[in-house]
Amino acid sequence: MSPRGPALRWRDFVMPFTATPVRLATLRWDAGSGAVSALVRFPPGWARPTAVAYAFDEHFLLLSGELRMNGSTYRPGRWVTVPGGGTRYDSSAPCGAVALAWFTGDPGAVVRAEGSA
């Protein structure tokens, strides 16, 4: 451990309804609620065209790159909140991106996936 704290442990993670993994470093996880905060690295070309909704609120701060979602383009410094049950569609990171994300509950709890098989 360095004087600045433990090193981040990055791992590949495949988000629901995507084929390309992101790199994820969990910062904090609450075993009781499933709430999690993490750094997420989206590789260039990452995309999720399928519409999905998570059961819990998501908040993210874009740190670098560009993230597209729901017809909007987010750039560094942008704070975004998606309420639980809120649909995310046409998500992509054409040139890659890094975000600091917080979920208020288990991010694996997908409640809707429109247009999926």
C-alpha atoms as a PDB file:
ATOM      1  CA  MET A   1       0.000   0.000   0.000  1.00  0.00           C
ATOM      2  CA  SER A   2       1.309   3.429  -0.907  1.00  0.00           C
ATOM      3  CA  PRO A   3       1.085   6.443   1.429  1.00  0.00           C
ATOM      4  CA  ARG A   4      -1.765   7.670  -0.778  1.00  0.00           C
ATOM      5  CA  GLY A   5      -3.890   4.555  -0.209  1.00  0.00           C
ATOM      6  CA  PRO A   6      -4.414   1.190  -1.843  1.00  0.00           C
ATOM      7  CA  ALA A   7      -4.001   0.792  -5.595  1.00  0.00           C
ATOM      8  CA  LEU A   8      -7.153   0.563  -7.668  1.00  0.00           C
ATOM      9  CA  ARG A   9      -8.084  -2.937  -8.816  1.00  0.00           C
ATOM     10  CA  TRP A  10      -9.320  -2.728 -12.385  1.00  0.00           C
ATOM     11  CA  ARG A  11     -11.277  -5.580 -13.953  1.00  0.00           C
ATOM     12  CA  ASP A  12     -13.193  -6.207 -17.146  1.00  0.00           C
ATOM     13  CA  PHE A  13     -16.951  -5.923 -16.745  1.00  0.00           C
ATOM     14  CA  VAL A  14     -19.629  -6.559 -19.362  1.00  0.00           C
ATOM     15  CA  MET A  15     -22.647  -4.293 -18.814  1.00  0.00           C
ATOM     16  CA  PRO A  16     -26.084  -5.798 -19.512  1.00  0.00           C
ATOM     17  CA  PHE A  17     -26.874  -5.953 -23.245  1.00  0.00           C
ATOM     18  CA  THR A  18     -23.375  -5.075 -24.417  1.00  0.00           C
ATOM     19  CA  ALA A  19     -20.664  -7.197 -25.991  1.00  0.00           C
ATOM     20  CA  THR A  20     -17.618  -5.020 -25.312  1.00  0.00           C
ATOM     21  CA  PRO A  21     -16.409  -4.960 -21.698  1.00  0.00           C
ATOM     22  CA  VAL A  22     -15.630  -1.759 -19.839  1.00  0.00           C
ATOM     23  CA  ARG A  23     -12.841  -1.534 -17.231  1.00  0.00           C
ATOM     24  CA  LEU A  24     -14.208  -1.110 -13.727  1.00  0.00           C
ATOM     25  CA  ALA A  25     -12.550  -0.170 -10.429  1.00  0.00           C
ATOM     26  CA  THR A  26     -14.934  -0.464  -7.478  1.00  0.00           C
ATOM     27  CA  LEU A  27     -14.358   2.290  -4.929  1.00  0.00           C
ATOM     28  CA  ARG A  28     -17.037   1.402  -2.401  1.00  0.00           C
ATOM     29  CA  TRP A  29     -19.668  -1.309  -2.194  1.00  0.00           C
ATOM     30  CA  ASP A  30     -22.405  -1.666   0.438  1.00  0.00           C
ATOM     31  CA  ALA A  31     -23.229  -5.339   1.001  1.00  0.00           C
ATOM     32  CA  GLY A  32     -26.610  -4.506   2.543  1.00  0.00           C
ATOM     33  CA  SER A  33     -28.070  -2.305  -0.179  1.00  0.00           C
ATOM     34  CA  GLY A  34     -25.866  -3.241  -3.132  1.00  0.00           C
ATOM     35  CA  ALA A  35     -25.043   0.448  -3.591  1.00  0.00           C
ATOM     36  CA  VAL A  36     -21.742   0.933  -5.369  1.00  0.00           C
ATOM     37  CA  SER A  37     -19.394   3.674  -6.495  1.00  0.00           C
ATOM     38  CA  ALA A  38     -16.848   2.935  -9.207  1.00  0.00           C
ATOM     39  CA  LEU A  39     -14.589   4.344 -11.854  1.00  0.00           C
ATOM     40  CA  VAL A  40     -15.638   3.130 -15.296  1.00  0.00           C
ATOM     41  CA  ARG A  41     -13.412   3.222 -18.406  1.00  0.00           C
ATOM     42  CA  PHE A  42     -15.383   2.912 -21.630  1.00  0.00           C
ATOM     43  CA  PRO A  43     -13.131   1.777 -24.492  1.00  0.00           C
ATOM     44  CA  PRO A  44     -13.290   3.585 -27.838  1.00  0.00           C
ATOM     45  CA  GLY A  45     -16.211   2.221 -29.812  1.00  0.00           C
ATOM     46  CA  TRP A  46     -18.158   0.929 -26.806  1.00  0.00           C
ATOM     47  CA  ALA A  47     -21.906   0.919 -27.501  1.00  0.00           C
ATOM     48  CA  ARG A  48     -25.197  -0.330 -26.103  1.00  0.00           C
ATOM     49  CA  PRO A  49     -27.961   0.266 -28.656  1.00  0.00           C
ATOM     50  CA  THR A  50     -30.556  -1.652 -26.600  1.00  0.00           C
ATOM     51  CA  ALA A  51     -32.721   0.427 -24.264  1.00  0.00           C
ATOM     52  CA  VAL A  52     -32.335  -0.577 -20.599  1.00  0.00           C
ATOM     53  CA  ALA A  53     -33.447   0.670 -17.209  1.00  0.00           C
ATOM     54  CA  TYR A  54     -31.949  -0.109 -13.820  1.00  0.00           C
ATOM     55  CA  ALA A  55     -34.045  -0.494 -10.663  1.00  0.00           C
ATOM     56  CA  PHE A  56     -31.942   2.082  -8.782  1.00  0.00           C
ATOM     57  CA  ASP A  57     -30.764   5.654  -9.316  1.00  0.00           C
ATOM     58  CA  GLU A  58     -27.482   6.208 -11.116  1.00  0.00           C
ATOM     59  CA  HIS A  59     -25.339   9.326 -10.842  1.00  0.00           C
ATOM     60  CA  PHE A  60     -22.180   9.856 -12.843  1.00  0.00           C
ATOM     61  CA  LEU A  61     -19.568  12.510 -13.378  1.00  0.00           C
ATOM     62  CA  LEU A  62     -17.800  12.317 -16.707  1.00  0.00           C
ATOM     63  CA  LEU A  63     -14.056  12.717 -16.102  1.00  0.00           C
ATOM     64  CA  SER A  64     -12.724  12.374 -19.656  1.00  0.00           C
ATOM     65  CA  GLY A  65     -13.822  11.569 -23.172  1.00  0.00           C
ATOM     66  CA  GLU A  66     -17.372  11.712 -24.434  1.00  0.00           C
ATOM     67  CA  LEU A  67     -20.412   9.622 -23.533  1.00  0.00           C
ATOM     68  CA  ARG A  68     -23.606   9.644 -25.592  1.00  0.00           C
ATOM     69  CA  MET A  69     -26.943   8.575 -24.181  1.00  0.00           C
ATOM     70  CA  ASN A  70     -30.599   9.338 -24.874  1.00  0.00           C
ATOM     71  CA  GLY A  71     -29.753  11.735 -27.691  1.00  0.00           C
ATOM     72  CA  SER A  72     -27.398  13.826 -25.516  1.00  0.00           C
ATOM     73  CA  THR A  73     -23.611  14.084 -25.595  1.00  0.00           C
ATOM     74  CA  TYR A  74     -21.852  14.377 -22.231  1.00  0.00           C
ATOM     75  CA  ARG A  75     -18.349  15.805 -21.858  1.00  0.00           C
ATOM     76  CA  PRO A  76     -15.911  16.125 -18.923  1.00  0.00           C
ATOM     77  CA  GLY A  77     -17.303  17.892 -15.890  1.00  0.00           C
ATOM     78  CA  ARG A  78     -20.904  16.967 -16.642  1.00  0.00           C
ATOM     79  CA  TRP A  79     -22.909  15.550 -13.747  1.00  0.00           C
ATOM     80  CA  VAL A  80     -25.776  13.272 -14.835  1.00  0.00           C
ATOM     81  CA  THR A  81     -28.546  11.628 -12.807  1.00  0.00           C
ATOM     82  CA  VAL A  82     -30.743   8.857 -14.201  1.00  0.00           C
ATOM     83  CA  PRO A  83     -33.573   7.950 -11.806  1.00  0.00           C
ATOM     84  CA  GLY A  84     -34.330   4.312 -11.054  1.00  0.00           C
ATOM     85  CA  GLY A  85     -36.582   2.982 -13.807  1.00  0.00           C
ATOM     86  CA  GLY A  86     -35.337   5.684 -16.209  1.00  0.00           C
ATOM     87  CA  THR A  87     -34.552   4.351 -19.665  1.00  0.00           C
ATOM     88  CA  ARG A  88     -31.083   4.651 -21.195  1.00  0.00           C
ATOM     89  CA  TYR A  89     -30.980   4.206 -24.959  1.00  0.00           C
ATOM     90  CA  ASP A  90     -28.441   4.573 -27.773  1.00  0.00           C
ATOM     91  CA  SER A  91     -25.533   4.682 -25.320  1.00  0.00           C
ATOM     92  CA  SER A  92     -22.007   4.914 -26.751  1.00  0.00           C
ATOM     93  CA  ALA A  93     -18.472   6.176 -26.208  1.00  0.00           C
ATOM     94  CA  PRO A  94     -17.121   6.572 -29.763  1.00  0.00           C
ATOM     95  CA  CYS A  95     -13.685   7.791 -28.629  1.00  0.00           C
ATOM     96  CA  GLY A  96     -13.747   6.284 -25.129  1.00  0.00           C
ATOM     97  CA  ALA A  97     -14.606   7.863 -21.782  1.00  0.00           C
ATOM     98  CA  VAL A  98     -13.962   7.658 -18.037  1.00  0.00           C
ATOM     99  CA  ALA A  99     -16.752   8.239 -15.525  1.00  0.00           C
ATOM    100  CA  LEU A 100     -17.135   8.213 -11.759  1.00  0.00           C
ATOM    101  CA  ALA A 101     -20.459   6.408 -11.184  1.00  0.00           C
ATOM    102  CA  TRP A 102     -22.696   5.874  -8.150  1.00  0.00           C
ATOM    103  CA  PHE A 103     -25.645   3.485  -8.024  1.00  0.00           C
ATOM    104  CA  THR A 104     -28.027   3.691  -5.040  1.00  0.00           C
ATOM    105  CA  GLY A 105     -28.605  -0.077  -5.240  1.00  0.00           C
ATOM    106  CA  ASP A 106     -27.436  -3.150  -7.155  1.00  0.00           C
ATOM    107  CA  PRO A 107     -26.525  -2.022 -10.719  1.00  0.00           C
ATOM    108  CA  GLY A 108     -27.119  -5.575 -11.891  1.00  0.00           C
ATOM    109  CA  ALA A 109     -30.851  -5.069 -11.297  1.00  0.00           C
ATOM    110  CA  VAL A 110     -32.016  -4.388 -14.859  1.00  0.00           C
ATOM    111  CA  VAL A 111     -35.760  -3.819 -14.808  1.00  0.00           C
ATOM    112  CA  ARG A 112     -36.414  -3.358 -18.525  1.00  0.00           C
ATOM    113  CA  ALA A 113     -34.690  -4.096 -21.787  1.00  0.00           C
ATOM    114  CA  GLU A 114     -36.697  -2.979 -24.789  1.00  0.00           C
ATOM    115  CA  GLY A 115     -35.993  -4.529 -28.174  1.00  0.00           C
ATOM    116  CA  SER A 116     -33.869  -7.355 -26.805  1.00  0.00           C
ATOM    117  CA  ALA A 117     -34.322 -10.983 -27.690  1.00  0.00           C
END
